[in-house]
Amino acid sequence: VQLQASGGGLVQAGGSLRLSCIVSGIIFSFHEMAWYRQAPGKQRELVATINTGGYRNYVDSVKGRFTISRDNAKNTAFLQMNSLKPEDTAVYYCNARRPGSNVWGQGTQVTVSS
C-alpha cells in the first residue's frame, strides 16, 4: 500500500497550491480520504475529509479557501489551497481510511511566506 503526496512548496501569502495524493495497493473508491497537517511544535491537525460519496468536511480555519476532491478513476485525492496564509505553513499528509484500515502517506511541505 502506498500513498504518495506531492505538490507542496514555497508560496507567498495569498497564493495557491494544489496537493495531490496518488494511492496504490488498496481499493481507492472504498476509502474515505483526508488531509492532515502538522506545523512545527504542534499536534497533527485534520484539515479536510471527503468520503466515498463525495461529502466534504473542513476544519473551520480553511473553510472557503481549501477544496478537497477525489478522482476515483485515477486513484488520486487533491487539496486545492487558495488564499494561503503564513499560518497554513506545515507538513501536509494524506490519509486513506475505512473500518479496519488506516493508511498514511509521506508528508509534503507547504511554506507560506508573509
C-alpha atoms as a PDB file:
ATOM      1  CA  VAL A   1       0.000   0.000   0.000  1.00  0.00           C
ATOM      2  CA  GLN A   2       1.371   3.399  -0.931  1.00  0.00           C
ATOM      3  CA  LEU A   3       0.113   6.956  -0.669  1.00  0.00           C
ATOM      4  CA  GLN A   4       2.356   9.412  -2.492  1.00  0.00           C
ATOM      5  CA  ALA A   5       1.734  13.064  -1.716  1.00  0.00           C
ATOM      6  CA  SER A   6       3.145  15.867  -3.820  1.00  0.00           C
ATOM      7  CA  GLY A   7       2.562  19.483  -4.756  1.00  0.00           C
ATOM      8  CA  GLY A   8       3.955  21.282  -1.741  1.00  0.00           C
ATOM      9  CA  GLY A   9       6.337  24.187  -1.983  1.00  0.00           C
ATOM     10  CA  LEU A  10       7.076  27.778  -1.074  1.00  0.00           C
ATOM     11  CA  VAL A  11       4.433  30.369  -1.891  1.00  0.00           C
ATOM     12  CA  GLN A  12       3.714  33.941  -0.878  1.00  0.00           C
ATOM     13  CA  ALA A  13       0.701  34.783   1.252  1.00  0.00           C
ATOM     14  CA  GLY A  14      -2.403  34.971  -0.915  1.00  0.00           C
ATOM     15  CA  GLY A  15      -1.063  32.400  -3.335  1.00  0.00           C
ATOM     16  CA  SER A  16      -2.295  28.930  -4.214  1.00  0.00           C
ATOM     17  CA  LEU A  17      -1.042  25.372  -4.231  1.00  0.00           C
ATOM     18  CA  ARG A  18      -2.623  22.087  -5.255  1.00  0.00           C
ATOM     19  CA  LEU A  19      -1.628  18.960  -3.386  1.00  0.00           C
ATOM     20  CA  SER A  20      -2.074  15.513  -4.896  1.00  0.00           C
ATOM     21  CA  CYS A  21      -2.124  12.088  -3.249  1.00  0.00           C
ATOM     22  CA  ILE A  22      -1.776   9.088  -5.549  1.00  0.00           C
ATOM     23  CA  VAL A  23      -2.913   5.863  -3.914  1.00  0.00           C
ATOM     24  CA  SER A  24      -1.957   2.314  -4.815  1.00  0.00           C
ATOM     25  CA  GLY A  25      -2.444  -1.091  -3.247  1.00  0.00           C
ATOM     26  CA  ILE A  26      -5.967  -0.536  -1.937  1.00  0.00           C
ATOM     27  CA  ILE A  27      -9.411  -0.128  -3.459  1.00  0.00           C
ATOM     28  CA  PHE A  28      -9.375   3.663  -3.536  1.00  0.00           C
ATOM     29  CA  SER A  29     -13.105   4.122  -4.035  1.00  0.00           C
ATOM     30  CA  PHE A  30     -13.847   2.194  -0.818  1.00  0.00           C
ATOM     31  CA  HIS A  31     -11.820   4.596   1.322  1.00  0.00           C
ATOM     32  CA  GLU A  32     -12.551   7.950   2.828  1.00  0.00           C
ATOM     33  CA  MET A  33      -9.684  10.329   2.079  1.00  0.00           C
ATOM     34  CA  ALA A  34      -8.335  13.002   4.385  1.00  0.00           C
ATOM     35  CA  TRP A  35      -5.639  15.644   4.529  1.00  0.00           C
ATOM     36  CA  TYR A  36      -3.900  16.442   7.791  1.00  0.00           C
ATOM     37  CA  ARG A  37      -1.191  18.953   8.575  1.00  0.00           C
ATOM     38  CA  GLN A  38       1.414  19.356  11.267  1.00  0.00           C
ATOM     39  CA  ALA A  39       3.186  22.604  11.981  1.00  0.00           C
ATOM     40  CA  PRO A  40       6.455  22.685  13.962  1.00  0.00           C
ATOM     41  CA  GLY A  41       5.813  22.164  17.655  1.00  0.00           C
ATOM     42  CA  LYS A  42       2.116  21.465  17.124  1.00  0.00           C
ATOM     43  CA  GLN A  43      -0.067  18.389  17.002  1.00  0.00           C
ATOM     44  CA  ARG A  44      -1.212  16.936  13.710  1.00  0.00           C
ATOM     45  CA  GLU A  45      -4.482  18.583  12.668  1.00  0.00           C
ATOM     46  CA  LEU A  46      -7.267  17.255  10.466  1.00  0.00           C
ATOM     47  CA  VAL A  47      -7.754  19.714   7.603  1.00  0.00           C
ATOM     48  CA  ALA A  48     -10.344  18.146   5.303  1.00  0.00           C
ATOM     49  CA  THR A  49     -12.102  14.896   4.523  1.00  0.00           C
ATOM     50  CA  ILE A  50     -14.041  13.521   1.578  1.00  0.00           C
ATOM     51  CA  ASN A  51     -15.996  10.328   1.956  1.00  0.00           C
ATOM     52  CA  THR A  52     -16.760   7.678  -0.617  1.00  0.00           C
ATOM     53  CA  GLY A  53     -19.927   9.501  -1.620  1.00  0.00           C
ATOM     54  CA  GLY A  54     -18.131  12.787  -2.162  1.00  0.00           C
ATOM     55  CA  TYR A  55     -19.294  14.514   1.023  1.00  0.00           C
ATOM     56  CA  ARG A  56     -16.696  17.042   2.176  1.00  0.00           C
ATOM     57  CA  ASN A  57     -15.845  18.413   5.586  1.00  0.00           C
ATOM     58  CA  TYR A  58     -13.307  21.058   6.603  1.00  0.00           C
ATOM     59  CA  VAL A  59     -11.712  22.499   9.690  1.00  0.00           C
ATOM     60  CA  ASP A  60     -13.069  25.999  10.269  1.00  0.00           C
ATOM     61  CA  SER A  61      -9.748  27.711   9.598  1.00  0.00           C
ATOM     62  CA  VAL A  62      -9.680  26.598   5.940  1.00  0.00           C
ATOM     63  CA  LYS A  63     -13.362  26.812   5.009  1.00  0.00           C
ATOM     64  CA  GLY A  64     -13.856  28.894   1.898  1.00  0.00           C
ATOM     65  CA  ARG A  65     -10.165  28.676   0.979  1.00  0.00           C
ATOM     66  CA  PHE A  66      -9.397  24.963   0.595  1.00  0.00           C
ATOM     67  CA  THR A  67     -11.210  22.380  -1.500  1.00  0.00           C
ATOM     68  CA  ILE A  68     -10.751  18.628  -1.179  1.00  0.00           C
ATOM     69  CA  SER A  69     -11.650  16.408  -4.114  1.00  0.00           C
ATOM     70  CA  ARG A  70     -11.062  12.929  -5.435  1.00  0.00           C
ATOM     71  CA  ASP A  71     -10.785  11.200  -8.791  1.00  0.00           C
ATOM     72  CA  ASN A  72     -11.628   7.534  -8.324  1.00  0.00           C
ATOM     73  CA  ALA A  73     -10.602   6.719 -11.891  1.00  0.00           C
ATOM     74  CA  LYS A  74      -7.084   7.974 -11.155  1.00  0.00           C
ATOM     75  CA  ASN A  75      -6.878   6.769  -7.519  1.00  0.00           C
ATOM     76  CA  THR A  76      -5.978  10.312  -6.551  1.00  0.00           C
ATOM     77  CA  ALA A  77      -7.084  12.795  -3.935  1.00  0.00           C
ATOM     78  CA  PHE A  78      -6.445  16.521  -4.164  1.00  0.00           C
ATOM     79  CA  LEU A  79      -6.340  19.523  -1.892  1.00  0.00           C
ATOM     80  CA  GLN A  80      -6.682  22.856  -3.664  1.00  0.00           C
ATOM     81  CA  MET A  81      -5.427  25.587  -1.359  1.00  0.00           C
ATOM     82  CA  ASN A  82      -6.196  29.203  -2.195  1.00  0.00           C
ATOM     83  CA  SER A  83      -5.630  32.463  -0.316  1.00  0.00           C
ATOM     84  CA  LEU A  84      -2.843  30.832   1.629  1.00  0.00           C
ATOM     85  CA  LYS A  85      -1.755  32.362   4.910  1.00  0.00           C
ATOM     86  CA  PRO A  86       1.518  32.037   6.831  1.00  0.00           C
ATOM     87  CA  GLU A  87      -0.356  30.030   9.466  1.00  0.00           C
ATOM     88  CA  ASP A  88      -1.033  27.369   6.810  1.00  0.00           C
ATOM     89  CA  THR A  89       2.675  26.526   6.872  1.00  0.00           C
ATOM     90  CA  ALA A  90       3.019  22.852   7.799  1.00  0.00           C
ATOM     91  CA  VAL A  91       3.808  19.397   6.537  1.00  0.00           C
ATOM     92  CA  TYR A  92       0.665  18.082   4.871  1.00  0.00           C
ATOM     93  CA  TYR A  93      -0.188  14.376   4.983  1.00  0.00           C
ATOM     94  CA  CYS A  94      -2.793  12.378   3.101  1.00  0.00           C
ATOM     95  CA  ASN A  95      -4.688   9.560   4.759  1.00  0.00           C
ATOM     96  CA  ALA A  96      -6.929   6.789   3.471  1.00  0.00           C
ATOM     97  CA  ARG A  97      -9.280   5.085   5.880  1.00  0.00           C
ATOM     98  CA  ARG A  98     -12.131   2.700   6.206  1.00  0.00           C
ATOM     99  CA  PRO A  99     -13.147   0.308   9.001  1.00  0.00           C
ATOM    100  CA  GLY A 100     -10.154  -1.883   9.696  1.00  0.00           C
ATOM    101  CA  SER A 101      -7.777   0.134   7.556  1.00  0.00           C
ATOM    102  CA  ASN A 102      -5.920   3.395   8.115  1.00  0.00           C
ATOM    103  CA  VAL A 103      -3.048   4.252   5.795  1.00  0.00           C
ATOM    104  CA  TRP A 104      -0.771   7.305   5.756  1.00  0.00           C
ATOM    105  CA  GLY A 105       1.361   8.835   3.073  1.00  0.00           C
ATOM    106  CA  GLN A 106       4.612  10.693   3.477  1.00  0.00           C
ATOM    107  CA  GLY A 107       4.248  14.406   4.024  1.00  0.00           C
ATOM    108  CA  THR A 108       4.736  17.292   1.655  1.00  0.00           C
ATOM    109  CA  GLN A 109       5.989  20.616   2.976  1.00  0.00           C
ATOM    110  CA  VAL A 110       3.938  23.750   2.438  1.00  0.00           C
ATOM    111  CA  THR A 111       5.588  27.039   3.378  1.00  0.00           C
ATOM    112  CA  VAL A 112       3.733  30.323   3.101  1.00  0.00           C
ATOM    113  CA  SER A 113       5.808  33.479   3.370  1.00  0.00           C
ATOM    114  CA  SER A 114       4.364  36.776   4.549  1.00  0.00           C
END
